[in-house]
């Protein structure tokens, strides 16, 4: 068991806003955190929270599809990775190094950088290749991009962003 984070450790960690490029990245990270917490605690409430949040933002069909894709990524990561994985609570504004690597991996897929995706998947798992993880990320690209479009801030004709 590792020592708890000190205030200075926590302050040195990157922020979600620095790592995630758009609201779809933020939602994917949040869902991944809920899923990881569910695995850690064996509590289905964590997974329900992931579904509830995604469904509120994307609607029932798209929200379920989005969560299913992130679950597939986490399942593949668990299957192909040796060693521990560190994550923060879903609502935390800080990001672990492992979470940064996960967001980077997902973005390689969203950018259709397939060779980079394969290399990032191998690196994140510590294996020579991680075909299941690559396949999961590739399958998630469509739902992630659809979520990014749906979650993009609406803008006025003058270019002023509305909140």
N, C-alpha and C. Protein backbone atom coordinates (compact mmCIF):
# COMPACT_ATOMS: atom_id res chain seq x y z
N UNK A 1 0.85 -1.17 0.00
CA UNK A 1 0.00 0.00 0.00
C UNK A 1 0.90 1.23 0.00
N UNK A 2 0.55 2.20 -0.82
CA UNK A 2 1.37 3.40 -0.90
C UNK A 2 0.94 4.44 0.13
N UNK A 3 1.85 5.34 0.41
CA UNK A 3 1.57 6.40 1.38
C UNK A 3 0.55 7.37 0.80
N UNK A 4 -0.28 7.98 1.66
CA UNK A 4 -1.26 8.94 1.15
C UNK A 4 -0.56 10.18 0.59
N UNK A 5 -1.25 10.85 -0.33
CA UNK A 5 -0.69 12.05 -0.93
C UNK A 5 -0.65 13.19 0.08
N UNK A 6 0.43 13.94 0.06
CA UNK A 6 0.52 15.14 0.89
C UNK A 6 -0.05 16.31 0.10
N UNK A 7 -0.22 17.45 0.75
CA UNK A 7 -0.71 18.64 0.05
C UNK A 7 0.22 19.04 -1.08
N UNK A 8 1.52 18.95 -0.88
CA UNK A 8 2.46 19.32 -1.94
C UNK A 8 2.42 18.31 -3.09
N UNK A 9 2.24 17.01 -2.78
CA UNK A 9 2.08 16.01 -3.83
C UNK A 9 0.86 16.34 -4.69
N UNK A 10 -0.24 16.64 -4.01
CA UNK A 10 -1.49 16.94 -4.71
C UNK A 10 -1.34 18.20 -5.56
N UNK A 11 -0.73 19.23 -5.03
CA UNK A 11 -0.56 20.49 -5.75
C UNK A 11 0.32 20.32 -6.99
N UNK A 12 1.25 19.36 -6.95
CA UNK A 12 2.16 19.14 -8.08
C UNK A 12 1.49 18.37 -9.22
N UNK A 13 0.37 17.74 -8.96
CA UNK A 13 -0.32 16.96 -10.00
C UNK A 13 -0.97 17.89 -11.01
N UNK A 14 -1.03 17.42 -12.25
CA UNK A 14 -1.67 18.20 -13.30
C UNK A 14 -3.18 18.24 -13.06
N UNK A 15 -3.82 19.22 -13.67
CA UNK A 15 -5.27 19.38 -13.54
C UNK A 15 -5.98 18.76 -14.74
N UNK A 16 -7.20 18.35 -14.52
CA UNK A 16 -8.02 17.78 -15.58
C UNK A 16 -8.08 18.73 -16.77
N UNK A 17 -8.27 20.02 -16.51
CA UNK A 17 -8.37 21.02 -17.58
C UNK A 17 -7.09 21.12 -18.41
N UNK A 18 -5.95 20.76 -17.81
CA UNK A 18 -4.67 20.81 -18.53
C UNK A 18 -4.46 19.57 -19.40
N UNK A 19 -5.12 18.49 -19.07
CA UNK A 19 -4.90 17.20 -19.74
C UNK A 19 -5.99 16.91 -20.77
N UNK A 20 -7.21 17.26 -20.45
CA UNK A 20 -8.35 16.95 -21.31
C UNK A 20 -8.56 18.08 -22.32
N UNK A 21 -8.67 17.71 -23.59
CA UNK A 21 -8.79 18.69 -24.64
C UNK A 21 -10.19 19.22 -24.87
N UNK A 22 -11.20 18.46 -24.46
CA UNK A 22 -12.58 18.88 -24.68
C UNK A 22 -13.48 18.18 -23.67
N UNK A 23 -14.77 18.56 -23.65
CA UNK A 23 -15.68 17.94 -22.67
C UNK A 23 -15.81 16.42 -22.83
N UNK A 24 -15.63 15.89 -24.03
CA UNK A 24 -15.70 14.44 -24.21
C UNK A 24 -14.55 13.75 -23.48
N UNK A 25 -13.36 14.36 -23.50
CA UNK A 25 -12.23 13.82 -22.75
C UNK A 25 -12.53 13.83 -21.25
N UNK A 26 -13.10 14.94 -20.78
CA UNK A 26 -13.43 15.07 -19.35
C UNK A 26 -14.44 14.00 -18.96
N UNK A 27 -15.47 13.82 -19.79
CA UNK A 27 -16.48 12.81 -19.49
C UNK A 27 -15.87 11.41 -19.52
N UNK A 28 -15.03 11.13 -20.50
CA UNK A 28 -14.38 9.81 -20.58
C UNK A 28 -13.54 9.54 -19.33
N UNK A 29 -12.79 10.54 -18.88
CA UNK A 29 -11.97 10.39 -17.68
C UNK A 29 -12.86 10.15 -16.46
N UNK A 30 -13.93 10.92 -16.34
CA UNK A 30 -14.84 10.75 -15.22
C UNK A 30 -15.46 9.36 -15.21
N UNK A 31 -15.93 8.91 -16.37
CA UNK A 31 -16.51 7.56 -16.48
C UNK A 31 -15.45 6.51 -16.13
N UNK A 32 -14.23 6.67 -16.64
CA UNK A 32 -13.16 5.72 -16.34
C UNK A 32 -12.90 5.66 -14.84
N UNK A 33 -12.95 6.81 -14.18
CA UNK A 33 -12.74 6.84 -12.73
C UNK A 33 -13.85 6.10 -11.99
N UNK A 34 -15.10 6.32 -12.41
CA UNK A 34 -16.21 5.60 -11.77
C UNK A 34 -16.08 4.10 -11.99
N UNK A 35 -15.74 3.70 -13.21
CA UNK A 35 -15.59 2.28 -13.52
C UNK A 35 -14.45 1.68 -12.69
N UNK A 36 -13.32 2.37 -12.62
CA UNK A 36 -12.19 1.88 -11.83
C UNK A 36 -12.58 1.76 -10.35
N UNK A 37 -13.32 2.75 -9.85
CA UNK A 37 -13.77 2.69 -8.45
C UNK A 37 -14.70 1.50 -8.24
N UNK A 38 -15.53 1.23 -9.23
CA UNK A 38 -16.42 0.06 -9.13
C UNK A 38 -15.64 -1.24 -9.06
N UNK A 39 -14.59 -1.33 -9.87
CA UNK A 39 -13.74 -2.53 -9.79
C UNK A 39 -13.07 -2.63 -8.42
N UNK A 40 -12.61 -1.50 -7.92
CA UNK A 40 -11.88 -1.50 -6.66
C UNK A 40 -12.79 -1.87 -5.48
N UNK A 41 -14.02 -1.35 -5.48
CA UNK A 41 -14.92 -1.54 -4.34
C UNK A 41 -15.94 -2.66 -4.54
N UNK A 42 -16.07 -3.15 -5.76
CA UNK A 42 -17.11 -4.13 -6.10
C UNK A 42 -18.51 -3.58 -5.82
N UNK A 43 -18.66 -2.27 -5.99
CA UNK A 43 -19.94 -1.60 -5.73
C UNK A 43 -20.53 -1.12 -7.05
N UNK A 44 -21.67 -1.65 -7.40
CA UNK A 44 -22.32 -1.29 -8.66
C UNK A 44 -22.76 0.18 -8.69
N UNK A 45 -22.86 0.81 -7.54
CA UNK A 45 -23.26 2.22 -7.49
C UNK A 45 -22.27 3.09 -8.26
N UNK A 46 -21.02 2.70 -8.28
CA UNK A 46 -20.02 3.46 -9.04
C UNK A 46 -20.34 3.42 -10.53
N UNK A 47 -20.66 2.25 -11.03
CA UNK A 47 -21.00 2.11 -12.45
C UNK A 47 -22.30 2.84 -12.75
N UNK A 48 -23.27 2.75 -11.83
CA UNK A 48 -24.53 3.48 -12.02
C UNK A 48 -24.29 4.98 -12.10
N UNK A 49 -23.38 5.48 -11.29
CA UNK A 49 -23.05 6.91 -11.33
C UNK A 49 -22.46 7.28 -12.69
N UNK A 50 -21.63 6.41 -13.26
CA UNK A 50 -21.07 6.66 -14.59
C UNK A 50 -22.18 6.75 -15.63
N UNK A 51 -23.10 5.80 -15.59
CA UNK A 51 -24.22 5.81 -16.53
C UNK A 51 -25.11 7.03 -16.32
N UNK A 52 -25.43 7.34 -15.06
CA UNK A 52 -26.29 8.49 -14.79
C UNK A 52 -25.70 9.78 -15.34
N UNK A 53 -24.43 10.00 -15.09
CA UNK A 53 -23.79 11.23 -15.57
C UNK A 53 -23.76 11.31 -17.08
N UNK A 54 -23.38 10.22 -17.74
CA UNK A 54 -23.31 10.22 -19.21
C UNK A 54 -24.70 10.37 -19.82
N UNK A 55 -25.70 9.73 -19.23
CA UNK A 55 -27.05 9.83 -19.76
C UNK A 55 -27.61 11.24 -19.59
N UNK A 56 -27.28 11.92 -18.49
CA UNK A 56 -27.73 13.30 -18.30
C UNK A 56 -27.15 14.22 -19.36
N UNK A 57 -25.90 13.98 -19.74
CA UNK A 57 -25.23 14.85 -20.70
C UNK A 57 -25.52 14.48 -22.15
N UNK A 58 -25.67 13.18 -22.43
CA UNK A 58 -25.75 12.73 -23.82
C UNK A 58 -27.09 12.11 -24.19
N UNK A 59 -27.94 11.88 -23.21
CA UNK A 59 -29.20 11.17 -23.47
C UNK A 59 -29.01 9.70 -23.20
N UNK A 60 -30.14 8.97 -23.08
CA UNK A 60 -30.04 7.56 -22.68
C UNK A 60 -29.28 6.67 -23.66
N UNK A 61 -29.53 6.79 -24.93
CA UNK A 61 -28.87 5.90 -25.89
C UNK A 61 -27.40 6.24 -26.04
N UNK A 62 -27.09 7.50 -26.32
CA UNK A 62 -25.69 7.90 -26.50
C UNK A 62 -24.91 7.76 -25.21
N UNK A 63 -25.53 8.07 -24.08
CA UNK A 63 -24.85 7.95 -22.79
C UNK A 63 -24.45 6.51 -22.50
N UNK A 64 -25.37 5.58 -22.73
CA UNK A 64 -25.06 4.16 -22.51
C UNK A 64 -23.96 3.68 -23.44
N UNK A 65 -24.04 4.08 -24.70
CA UNK A 65 -23.02 3.69 -25.68
C UNK A 65 -21.65 4.24 -25.27
N UNK A 66 -21.62 5.49 -24.82
CA UNK A 66 -20.38 6.13 -24.39
C UNK A 66 -19.76 5.36 -23.22
N UNK A 67 -20.57 5.08 -22.20
CA UNK A 67 -20.07 4.35 -21.03
C UNK A 67 -19.59 2.97 -21.43
N UNK A 68 -20.33 2.29 -22.28
CA UNK A 68 -19.92 0.95 -22.72
C UNK A 68 -18.55 0.99 -23.38
N UNK A 69 -18.30 2.02 -24.18
CA UNK A 69 -16.99 2.13 -24.84
C UNK A 69 -15.87 2.37 -23.83
N UNK A 70 -16.12 3.21 -22.84
CA UNK A 70 -15.09 3.46 -21.82
C UNK A 70 -14.89 2.21 -20.97
N UNK A 71 -15.96 1.51 -20.65
CA UNK A 71 -15.83 0.25 -19.91
C UNK A 71 -14.96 -0.73 -20.69
N UNK A 72 -15.17 -0.83 -22.00
CA UNK A 72 -14.37 -1.73 -22.83
C UNK A 72 -12.89 -1.36 -22.77
N UNK A 73 -12.60 -0.07 -22.77
CA UNK A 73 -11.21 0.39 -22.67
C UNK A 73 -10.61 -0.02 -21.33
N UNK A 74 -11.35 0.20 -20.25
CA UNK A 74 -10.84 -0.14 -18.91
C UNK A 74 -10.69 -1.66 -18.77
N UNK A 75 -11.64 -2.41 -19.30
CA UNK A 75 -11.53 -3.88 -19.24
C UNK A 75 -10.30 -4.36 -20.00
N UNK A 76 -10.06 -3.79 -21.17
CA UNK A 76 -8.88 -4.17 -21.96
C UNK A 76 -7.61 -3.79 -21.22
N UNK A 77 -7.61 -2.63 -20.63
CA UNK A 77 -6.44 -2.17 -19.87
C UNK A 77 -6.17 -3.12 -18.71
N UNK A 78 -7.21 -3.51 -18.00
CA UNK A 78 -7.05 -4.44 -16.88
C UNK A 78 -6.55 -5.80 -17.35
N UNK A 79 -7.01 -6.23 -18.52
CA UNK A 79 -6.62 -7.54 -19.04
C UNK A 79 -5.18 -7.56 -19.53
N UNK A 80 -4.72 -6.47 -20.11
CA UNK A 80 -3.40 -6.48 -20.75
C UNK A 80 -2.30 -5.81 -19.93
N UNK A 81 -2.64 -5.10 -18.88
CA UNK A 81 -1.64 -4.38 -18.09
C UNK A 81 -1.23 -5.20 -16.88
N UNK A 82 0.07 -5.26 -16.66
CA UNK A 82 0.58 -5.82 -15.41
C UNK A 82 0.83 -4.66 -14.47
N UNK A 83 0.50 -4.82 -13.23
CA UNK A 83 0.80 -3.78 -12.25
C UNK A 83 -0.42 -2.95 -11.89
N UNK A 84 -0.21 -2.11 -10.89
CA UNK A 84 -1.27 -1.27 -10.36
C UNK A 84 -1.61 -0.14 -11.32
N UNK A 85 -2.73 0.47 -11.08
CA UNK A 85 -3.21 1.61 -11.86
C UNK A 85 -3.71 2.63 -10.83
N UNK A 86 -3.24 3.86 -10.92
CA UNK A 86 -3.70 4.87 -9.96
C UNK A 86 -4.68 5.81 -10.63
N UNK A 87 -5.72 6.13 -9.88
CA UNK A 87 -6.74 7.04 -10.38
C UNK A 87 -7.26 7.87 -9.21
N UNK A 88 -7.83 9.00 -9.56
CA UNK A 88 -8.41 9.90 -8.57
C UNK A 88 -9.92 9.68 -8.52
N UNK A 89 -10.59 10.22 -7.50
CA UNK A 89 -12.06 10.16 -7.48
C UNK A 89 -12.63 10.91 -8.68
N UNK A 90 -13.82 10.53 -9.10
CA UNK A 90 -14.42 11.07 -10.33
C UNK A 90 -14.50 12.60 -10.34
N UNK A 91 -14.74 13.21 -9.21
CA UNK A 91 -14.92 14.66 -9.18
C UNK A 91 -13.63 15.44 -8.94
N UNK A 92 -12.51 14.76 -8.79
CA UNK A 92 -11.25 15.44 -8.47
C UNK A 92 -10.74 16.23 -9.68
N UNK A 93 -10.19 17.40 -9.41
CA UNK A 93 -9.66 18.25 -10.49
C UNK A 93 -8.22 17.89 -10.85
N UNK A 94 -7.59 17.00 -10.12
CA UNK A 94 -6.21 16.58 -10.39
C UNK A 94 -6.20 15.26 -11.15
N UNK A 95 -5.08 15.00 -11.82
CA UNK A 95 -4.96 13.81 -12.67
C UNK A 95 -3.66 13.08 -12.34
N UNK A 96 -3.74 11.77 -12.19
CA UNK A 96 -2.54 10.97 -11.95
C UNK A 96 -1.78 10.80 -13.27
N UNK A 97 -0.55 10.36 -13.18
CA UNK A 97 0.22 10.06 -14.37
C UNK A 97 -0.42 8.97 -15.21
N UNK A 98 -1.00 7.97 -14.56
CA UNK A 98 -1.69 6.91 -15.29
C UNK A 98 -2.90 7.46 -16.04
N UNK A 99 -3.63 8.36 -15.41
CA UNK A 99 -4.79 8.96 -16.07
C UNK A 99 -4.36 9.83 -17.26
N UNK A 100 -3.25 10.54 -17.10
CA UNK A 100 -2.71 11.32 -18.23
C UNK A 100 -2.41 10.40 -19.40
N UNK A 101 -1.80 9.26 -19.12
CA UNK A 101 -1.48 8.29 -20.17
C UNK A 101 -2.75 7.76 -20.83
N UNK A 102 -3.79 7.54 -20.05
CA UNK A 102 -5.05 7.06 -20.60
C UNK A 102 -5.69 8.10 -21.52
N UNK A 103 -5.72 9.35 -21.09
CA UNK A 103 -6.29 10.41 -21.93
C UNK A 103 -5.46 10.54 -23.22
N UNK A 104 -4.14 10.47 -23.10
CA UNK A 104 -3.28 10.52 -24.28
C UNK A 104 -3.58 9.36 -25.23
N UNK A 105 -3.75 8.18 -24.68
CA UNK A 105 -4.08 7.00 -25.48
C UNK A 105 -5.38 7.21 -26.24
N UNK A 106 -6.40 7.65 -25.55
CA UNK A 106 -7.70 7.89 -26.18
C UNK A 106 -7.58 8.94 -27.28
N UNK A 107 -6.79 9.97 -27.03
CA UNK A 107 -6.63 11.02 -28.04
C UNK A 107 -5.87 10.55 -29.26
N UNK A 108 -4.95 9.60 -29.10
CA UNK A 108 -4.28 9.02 -30.28
C UNK A 108 -5.34 8.37 -31.17
N UNK A 109 -6.30 7.71 -30.56
CA UNK A 109 -7.39 7.11 -31.33
C UNK A 109 -8.28 8.17 -31.96
N UNK A 110 -8.66 9.17 -31.20
CA UNK A 110 -9.55 10.21 -31.73
C UNK A 110 -8.90 10.98 -32.88
N UNK A 111 -7.58 11.05 -32.87
CA UNK A 111 -6.87 11.73 -33.96
C UNK A 111 -6.56 10.78 -35.11
N UNK A 112 -6.99 9.51 -34.97
CA UNK A 112 -6.74 8.48 -35.98
C UNK A 112 -5.25 8.26 -36.23
N UNK A 113 -4.45 8.40 -35.19
CA UNK A 113 -3.01 8.15 -35.25
C UNK A 113 -2.79 6.70 -34.83
N UNK A 114 -3.13 5.79 -35.74
CA UNK A 114 -3.19 4.36 -35.40
C UNK A 114 -1.85 3.79 -34.97
N UNK A 115 -0.76 4.17 -35.62
CA UNK A 115 0.55 3.66 -35.23
C UNK A 115 0.91 4.19 -33.84
N UNK A 116 0.64 5.48 -33.60
CA UNK A 116 0.88 6.06 -32.28
C UNK A 116 0.00 5.40 -31.22
N UNK A 117 -1.23 5.08 -31.59
CA UNK A 117 -2.14 4.40 -30.67
C UNK A 117 -1.57 3.06 -30.25
N UNK A 118 -1.07 2.30 -31.22
CA UNK A 118 -0.49 0.99 -30.91
C UNK A 118 0.71 1.13 -29.98
N UNK A 119 1.57 2.12 -30.25
CA UNK A 119 2.75 2.35 -29.40
C UNK A 119 2.32 2.79 -28.00
N UNK A 120 1.35 3.68 -27.92
CA UNK A 120 0.88 4.16 -26.61
C UNK A 120 0.22 3.03 -25.82
N UNK A 121 -0.52 2.16 -26.50
CA UNK A 121 -1.16 1.03 -25.82
C UNK A 121 -0.11 0.06 -25.28
N UNK A 122 0.93 -0.19 -26.07
CA UNK A 122 2.00 -1.06 -25.61
C UNK A 122 2.69 -0.45 -24.39
N UNK A 123 2.93 0.85 -24.46
CA UNK A 123 3.60 1.53 -23.35
C UNK A 123 2.76 1.53 -22.08
N UNK A 124 1.49 1.83 -22.21
CA UNK A 124 0.61 1.94 -21.04
C UNK A 124 0.40 0.59 -20.36
N UNK A 125 0.50 -0.50 -21.17
CA UNK A 125 0.31 -1.83 -20.60
C UNK A 125 1.63 -2.48 -20.18
N UNK A 126 2.75 -1.94 -20.68
CA UNK A 126 4.03 -2.55 -20.39
C UNK A 126 4.27 -3.82 -21.19
N UNK A 127 3.53 -3.98 -22.27
CA UNK A 127 3.64 -5.17 -23.12
C UNK A 127 4.23 -4.78 -24.48
N UNK A 128 4.63 -5.77 -25.25
CA UNK A 128 5.12 -5.50 -26.61
C UNK A 128 3.98 -5.02 -27.50
N UNK A 129 2.79 -5.51 -27.25
CA UNK A 129 1.60 -5.11 -28.00
C UNK A 129 0.39 -5.26 -27.08
N UNK A 130 -0.63 -4.47 -27.35
CA UNK A 130 -1.87 -4.54 -26.56
C UNK A 130 -3.05 -4.49 -27.52
N UNK A 131 -3.27 -5.59 -28.28
CA UNK A 131 -4.29 -5.56 -29.32
C UNK A 131 -5.71 -5.34 -28.80
N UNK A 132 -6.02 -5.87 -27.64
CA UNK A 132 -7.38 -5.68 -27.10
C UNK A 132 -7.61 -4.22 -26.74
N UNK A 133 -6.61 -3.57 -26.16
CA UNK A 133 -6.74 -2.15 -25.80
C UNK A 133 -6.84 -1.30 -27.06
N UNK A 134 -6.03 -1.59 -28.05
CA UNK A 134 -6.09 -0.85 -29.32
C UNK A 134 -7.48 -1.01 -29.93
N UNK A 135 -8.00 -2.22 -29.96
CA UNK A 135 -9.33 -2.46 -30.54
C UNK A 135 -10.41 -1.71 -29.77
N UNK A 136 -10.31 -1.68 -28.44
CA UNK A 136 -11.30 -0.98 -27.62
C UNK A 136 -11.27 0.52 -27.90
N UNK A 137 -10.08 1.10 -27.99
CA UNK A 137 -9.98 2.53 -28.27
C UNK A 137 -10.50 2.83 -29.67
N UNK A 138 -10.12 2.02 -30.64
CA UNK A 138 -10.60 2.23 -32.02
C UNK A 138 -12.13 2.17 -32.07
N UNK A 139 -12.73 1.25 -31.35
CA UNK A 139 -14.19 1.12 -31.33
C UNK A 139 -14.86 2.31 -30.63
N UNK A 140 -14.14 2.96 -29.74
CA UNK A 140 -14.70 4.09 -28.98
C UNK A 140 -14.63 5.41 -29.73
N UNK A 141 -13.86 5.48 -30.79
CA UNK A 141 -13.64 6.75 -31.49
C UNK A 141 -14.95 7.41 -31.92
N UNK A 142 -15.84 6.66 -32.56
CA UNK A 142 -17.10 7.23 -33.02
C UNK A 142 -17.94 7.81 -31.89
N UNK A 143 -18.23 7.03 -30.85
CA UNK A 143 -18.99 7.57 -29.73
C UNK A 143 -18.30 8.74 -29.02
N UNK A 144 -16.97 8.71 -28.93
CA UNK A 144 -16.25 9.82 -28.31
C UNK A 144 -16.38 11.08 -29.16
N UNK A 145 -16.23 10.95 -30.47
CA UNK A 145 -16.38 12.10 -31.35
C UNK A 145 -17.81 12.64 -31.35
N UNK A 146 -18.79 11.74 -31.32
CA UNK A 146 -20.19 12.16 -31.26
C UNK A 146 -20.45 12.92 -29.96
N UNK A 147 -19.88 12.44 -28.86
CA UNK A 147 -20.04 13.13 -27.58
C UNK A 147 -19.38 14.50 -27.63
N UNK A 148 -18.21 14.58 -28.25
CA UNK A 148 -17.51 15.87 -28.35
C UNK A 148 -18.36 16.88 -29.11
N UNK A 149 -19.00 16.44 -30.17
CA UNK A 149 -19.87 17.33 -30.93
C UNK A 149 -21.06 17.77 -30.10
N UNK A 150 -21.66 16.84 -29.42
CA UNK A 150 -22.85 17.14 -28.62
C UNK A 150 -22.52 18.03 -27.43
N UNK A 151 -21.34 17.85 -26.85
CA UNK A 151 -20.96 18.61 -25.65
C UNK A 151 -20.24 19.93 -25.96
N UNK A 152 -19.94 20.18 -27.23
CA UNK A 152 -19.25 21.42 -27.59
C UNK A 152 -20.11 22.61 -27.19
N UNK A 153 -19.47 23.65 -26.62
CA UNK A 153 -20.24 24.83 -26.24
C UNK A 153 -20.91 25.46 -27.46
N UNK A 154 -22.15 25.85 -27.28
CA UNK A 154 -22.85 26.54 -28.36
C UNK A 154 -22.26 27.94 -28.49
N UNK A 155 -22.18 28.42 -29.71
CA UNK A 155 -21.63 29.77 -29.89
C UNK A 155 -22.57 30.63 -30.70
N UNK A 156 -22.48 31.90 -30.48
CA UNK A 156 -23.27 32.89 -31.21
C UNK A 156 -22.62 33.18 -32.55
N UNK A 157 -23.37 33.78 -33.46
CA UNK A 157 -22.78 34.16 -34.73
C UNK A 157 -21.55 35.07 -34.58
N UNK A 158 -21.51 35.84 -33.52
CA UNK A 158 -20.38 36.77 -33.33
C UNK A 158 -19.14 36.06 -32.80
N UNK A 159 -19.28 34.77 -32.49
CA UNK A 159 -18.13 34.01 -31.98
C UNK A 159 -18.02 34.02 -30.47
N UNK A 160 -18.96 34.65 -29.78
CA UNK A 160 -18.94 34.69 -28.32
C UNK A 160 -19.49 33.37 -27.82
N UNK A 161 -18.79 32.72 -26.94
CA UNK A 161 -19.21 31.44 -26.40
C UNK A 161 -20.21 31.66 -25.28
N UNK A 162 -21.32 30.95 -25.36
CA UNK A 162 -22.35 31.02 -24.33
C UNK A 162 -22.12 29.91 -23.31
N UNK A 163 -22.41 30.18 -22.07
CA UNK A 163 -22.29 29.14 -21.04
C UNK A 163 -23.61 28.88 -20.39
